[in-house]
Amino acid sequence: MAFSFANDKFNESAIEIWNEKDHKALSTISLHIDNSALIYITDTKTSKEAWDTLKRMYKAADTISIIATH
């Protein structure tokens, strides 16, 4: 199945829109976390990567606090 030029243009536009929204999401995450956590996501390229990094970081902290209280 061959794709037309119009489909390619649409896909490029959709990708651009997606990337803009992802960049805004990454910026929002960066602006709303504590500076001490910012260092962990500074090199992330997507909002999902930043979110997953923070999720792992805080999950590990929760696990440590659970262990420390027992």
N, C-alpha and C. Protein backbone atom coordinates (compact mmCIF):
# COMPACT_ATOMS: atom_id res chain seq x y z
N MET A 1 0.84 -1.17 0.00
CA MET A 1 0.00 0.00 0.00
C MET A 1 0.89 1.24 0.00
N ALA A 2 0.67 2.11 -0.94
CA ALA A 2 1.47 3.33 -1.06
C ALA A 2 0.76 4.47 -0.34
N PHE A 3 1.51 5.30 0.32
CA PHE A 3 0.95 6.46 0.99
C PHE A 3 1.14 7.68 0.12
N SER A 4 0.17 8.55 0.14
CA SER A 4 0.27 9.76 -0.66
C SER A 4 1.06 10.82 0.09
N PHE A 5 1.45 11.84 -0.64
CA PHE A 5 2.19 12.95 -0.04
C PHE A 5 1.33 13.64 1.03
N ALA A 6 0.02 13.71 0.80
CA ALA A 6 -0.87 14.34 1.77
C ALA A 6 -0.84 13.61 3.10
N ASN A 7 -0.81 12.28 3.07
CA ASN A 7 -0.72 11.51 4.32
C ASN A 7 0.59 11.78 5.03
N ASP A 8 1.68 11.87 4.28
CA ASP A 8 2.98 12.18 4.88
C ASP A 8 2.95 13.54 5.56
N LYS A 9 2.35 14.53 4.89
CA LYS A 9 2.25 15.87 5.47
C LYS A 9 1.41 15.85 6.74
N PHE A 10 0.30 15.10 6.70
CA PHE A 10 -0.55 14.98 7.88
C PHE A 10 0.21 14.33 9.03
N ASN A 11 0.93 13.27 8.74
CA ASN A 11 1.71 12.58 9.77
C ASN A 11 2.78 13.48 10.35
N GLU A 12 3.46 14.24 9.51
CA GLU A 12 4.48 15.16 9.99
C GLU A 12 3.86 16.21 10.89
N SER A 13 2.70 16.71 10.50
CA SER A 13 2.00 17.71 11.30
C SER A 13 1.57 17.13 12.64
N ALA A 14 1.03 15.91 12.61
CA ALA A 14 0.60 15.25 13.85
C ALA A 14 1.79 15.01 14.77
N ILE A 15 2.91 14.62 14.22
CA ILE A 15 4.12 14.39 15.01
C ILE A 15 4.61 15.70 15.62
N GLU A 16 4.57 16.77 14.84
CA GLU A 16 4.98 18.08 15.36
C GLU A 16 4.10 18.50 16.53
N ILE A 17 2.80 18.33 16.37
CA ILE A 17 1.86 18.69 17.43
C ILE A 17 2.13 17.84 18.67
N TRP A 18 2.34 16.55 18.47
CA TRP A 18 2.64 15.63 19.58
C TRP A 18 3.90 16.09 20.32
N ASN A 19 4.94 16.40 19.55
CA ASN A 19 6.21 16.81 20.16
C ASN A 19 6.06 18.11 20.93
N GLU A 20 5.27 19.05 20.40
CA GLU A 20 5.04 20.31 21.12
C GLU A 20 4.33 20.06 22.45
N LYS A 21 3.30 19.21 22.41
CA LYS A 21 2.56 18.90 23.64
C LYS A 21 3.44 18.16 24.64
N ASP A 22 4.27 17.25 24.13
CA ASP A 22 5.17 16.52 25.01
C ASP A 22 6.18 17.47 25.66
N HIS A 23 6.69 18.41 24.87
CA HIS A 23 7.64 19.39 25.41
C HIS A 23 6.97 20.24 26.50
N LYS A 24 5.72 20.62 26.28
CA LYS A 24 4.99 21.39 27.29
C LYS A 24 4.79 20.56 28.56
N ALA A 25 4.47 19.29 28.39
CA ALA A 25 4.29 18.41 29.54
C ALA A 25 5.59 18.26 30.32
N LEU A 26 6.70 18.08 29.60
CA LEU A 26 8.01 17.96 30.25
C LEU A 26 8.34 19.25 31.00
N SER A 27 8.05 20.38 30.39
CA SER A 27 8.29 21.67 31.05
C SER A 27 7.44 21.81 32.31
N THR A 28 6.19 21.38 32.23
CA THR A 28 5.30 21.46 33.39
C THR A 28 5.81 20.59 34.53
N ILE A 29 6.24 19.40 34.20
CA ILE A 29 6.81 18.52 35.23
C ILE A 29 8.02 19.18 35.86
N SER A 30 8.91 19.70 35.04
CA SER A 30 10.14 20.33 35.53
C SER A 30 9.87 21.53 36.42
N LEU A 31 8.84 22.29 36.08
CA LEU A 31 8.52 23.49 36.85
C LEU A 31 7.83 23.19 38.18
N HIS A 32 7.26 21.99 38.31
CA HIS A 32 6.45 21.71 39.49
C HIS A 32 7.06 20.67 40.43
N ILE A 33 8.32 20.34 40.22
CA ILE A 33 8.96 19.42 41.16
C ILE A 33 10.01 20.17 41.95
N ASP A 34 10.38 19.59 43.06
CA ASP A 34 11.40 20.18 43.92
C ASP A 34 12.75 20.20 43.19
N ASN A 35 13.53 21.23 43.48
CA ASN A 35 14.84 21.34 42.84
C ASN A 35 15.73 20.13 43.10
N SER A 36 15.56 19.50 44.23
CA SER A 36 16.38 18.33 44.54
C SER A 36 16.06 17.15 43.63
N ALA A 37 14.86 17.10 43.06
CA ALA A 37 14.48 16.03 42.14
C ALA A 37 14.76 16.40 40.68
N LEU A 38 14.91 17.68 40.42
CA LEU A 38 15.12 18.16 39.05
C LEU A 38 16.36 17.56 38.40
N ILE A 39 17.40 17.35 39.19
CA ILE A 39 18.64 16.79 38.66
C ILE A 39 18.43 15.42 38.01
N TYR A 40 17.45 14.68 38.49
CA TYR A 40 17.21 13.33 37.97
C TYR A 40 16.54 13.32 36.61
N ILE A 41 15.87 14.42 36.23
CA ILE A 41 15.19 14.44 34.95
C ILE A 41 15.76 15.44 33.95
N THR A 42 16.85 16.07 34.32
CA THR A 42 17.44 17.08 33.46
C THR A 42 17.80 16.55 32.07
N ASP A 43 18.25 15.34 31.98
CA ASP A 43 18.67 14.79 30.68
C ASP A 43 17.60 13.99 29.97
N THR A 44 16.39 13.96 30.52
CA THR A 44 15.33 13.19 29.85
C THR A 44 14.86 13.93 28.61
N LYS A 45 14.42 13.17 27.63
CA LYS A 45 14.02 13.75 26.35
C LYS A 45 12.51 13.87 26.19
N THR A 46 11.74 13.07 26.95
CA THR A 46 10.28 13.10 26.83
C THR A 46 9.65 13.20 28.21
N SER A 47 8.39 13.61 28.22
CA SER A 47 7.68 13.71 29.49
C SER A 47 7.50 12.32 30.11
N LYS A 48 7.29 11.31 29.29
CA LYS A 48 7.14 9.95 29.81
C LYS A 48 8.43 9.49 30.47
N GLU A 49 9.54 9.77 29.85
CA GLU A 49 10.83 9.39 30.43
C GLU A 49 11.04 10.10 31.77
N ALA A 50 10.69 11.37 31.83
CA ALA A 50 10.82 12.12 33.09
C ALA A 50 9.89 11.55 34.15
N TRP A 51 8.64 11.29 33.77
CA TRP A 51 7.66 10.75 34.71
C TRP A 51 8.10 9.40 35.24
N ASP A 52 8.54 8.52 34.33
CA ASP A 52 8.99 7.19 34.75
C ASP A 52 10.21 7.27 35.67
N THR A 53 11.10 8.20 35.41
CA THR A 53 12.28 8.39 36.26
C THR A 53 11.86 8.82 37.66
N LEU A 54 10.96 9.78 37.73
CA LEU A 54 10.48 10.25 39.03
C LEU A 54 9.70 9.16 39.76
N LYS A 55 8.93 8.40 39.02
CA LYS A 55 8.17 7.31 39.62
C LYS A 55 9.09 6.28 40.26
N ARG A 56 10.16 5.90 39.53
CA ARG A 56 11.13 4.95 40.09
C ARG A 56 11.83 5.54 41.31
N MET A 57 12.18 6.81 41.22
CA MET A 57 12.89 7.47 42.31
C MET A 57 12.04 7.49 43.58
N TYR A 58 10.79 7.89 43.44
CA TYR A 58 9.93 7.99 44.62
C TYR A 58 9.47 6.63 45.11
N LYS A 59 9.34 5.66 44.22
CA LYS A 59 9.00 4.31 44.64
C LYS A 59 10.13 3.74 45.50
N ALA A 60 11.36 3.97 45.07
CA ALA A 60 12.52 3.50 45.85
C ALA A 60 12.54 4.19 47.21
N ALA A 61 12.24 5.47 47.26
CA ALA A 61 12.22 6.20 48.53
C ALA A 61 11.14 5.66 49.45
N ASP A 62 9.97 5.32 48.89
CA ASP A 62 8.90 4.74 49.69
C ASP A 62 9.31 3.39 50.25
N THR A 63 9.96 2.59 49.44
CA THR A 63 10.42 1.26 49.87
C THR A 63 11.42 1.39 51.02
N ILE A 64 12.33 2.32 50.89
CA ILE A 64 13.33 2.54 51.93
C ILE A 64 12.66 2.99 53.23
N SER A 65 11.69 3.89 53.13
CA SER A 65 11.02 4.36 54.35
C SER A 65 10.20 3.25 55.00
N ILE A 66 9.62 2.37 54.21
CA ILE A 66 8.89 1.21 54.75
C ILE A 66 9.85 0.29 55.50
N ILE A 67 10.98 0.02 54.89
CA ILE A 67 11.98 -0.85 55.51
C ILE A 67 12.51 -0.22 56.80
N ALA A 68 12.73 1.07 56.79
CA ALA A 68 13.30 1.78 57.95
C ALA A 68 12.32 1.77 59.13
N THR A 69 11.04 1.71 58.86
CA THR A 69 10.07 1.75 59.96
C THR A 69 9.81 0.38 60.56
N HIS A 70 10.32 -0.68 59.96
CA HIS A 70 10.09 -2.03 60.50
C HIS A 70 11.26 -2.54 61.28
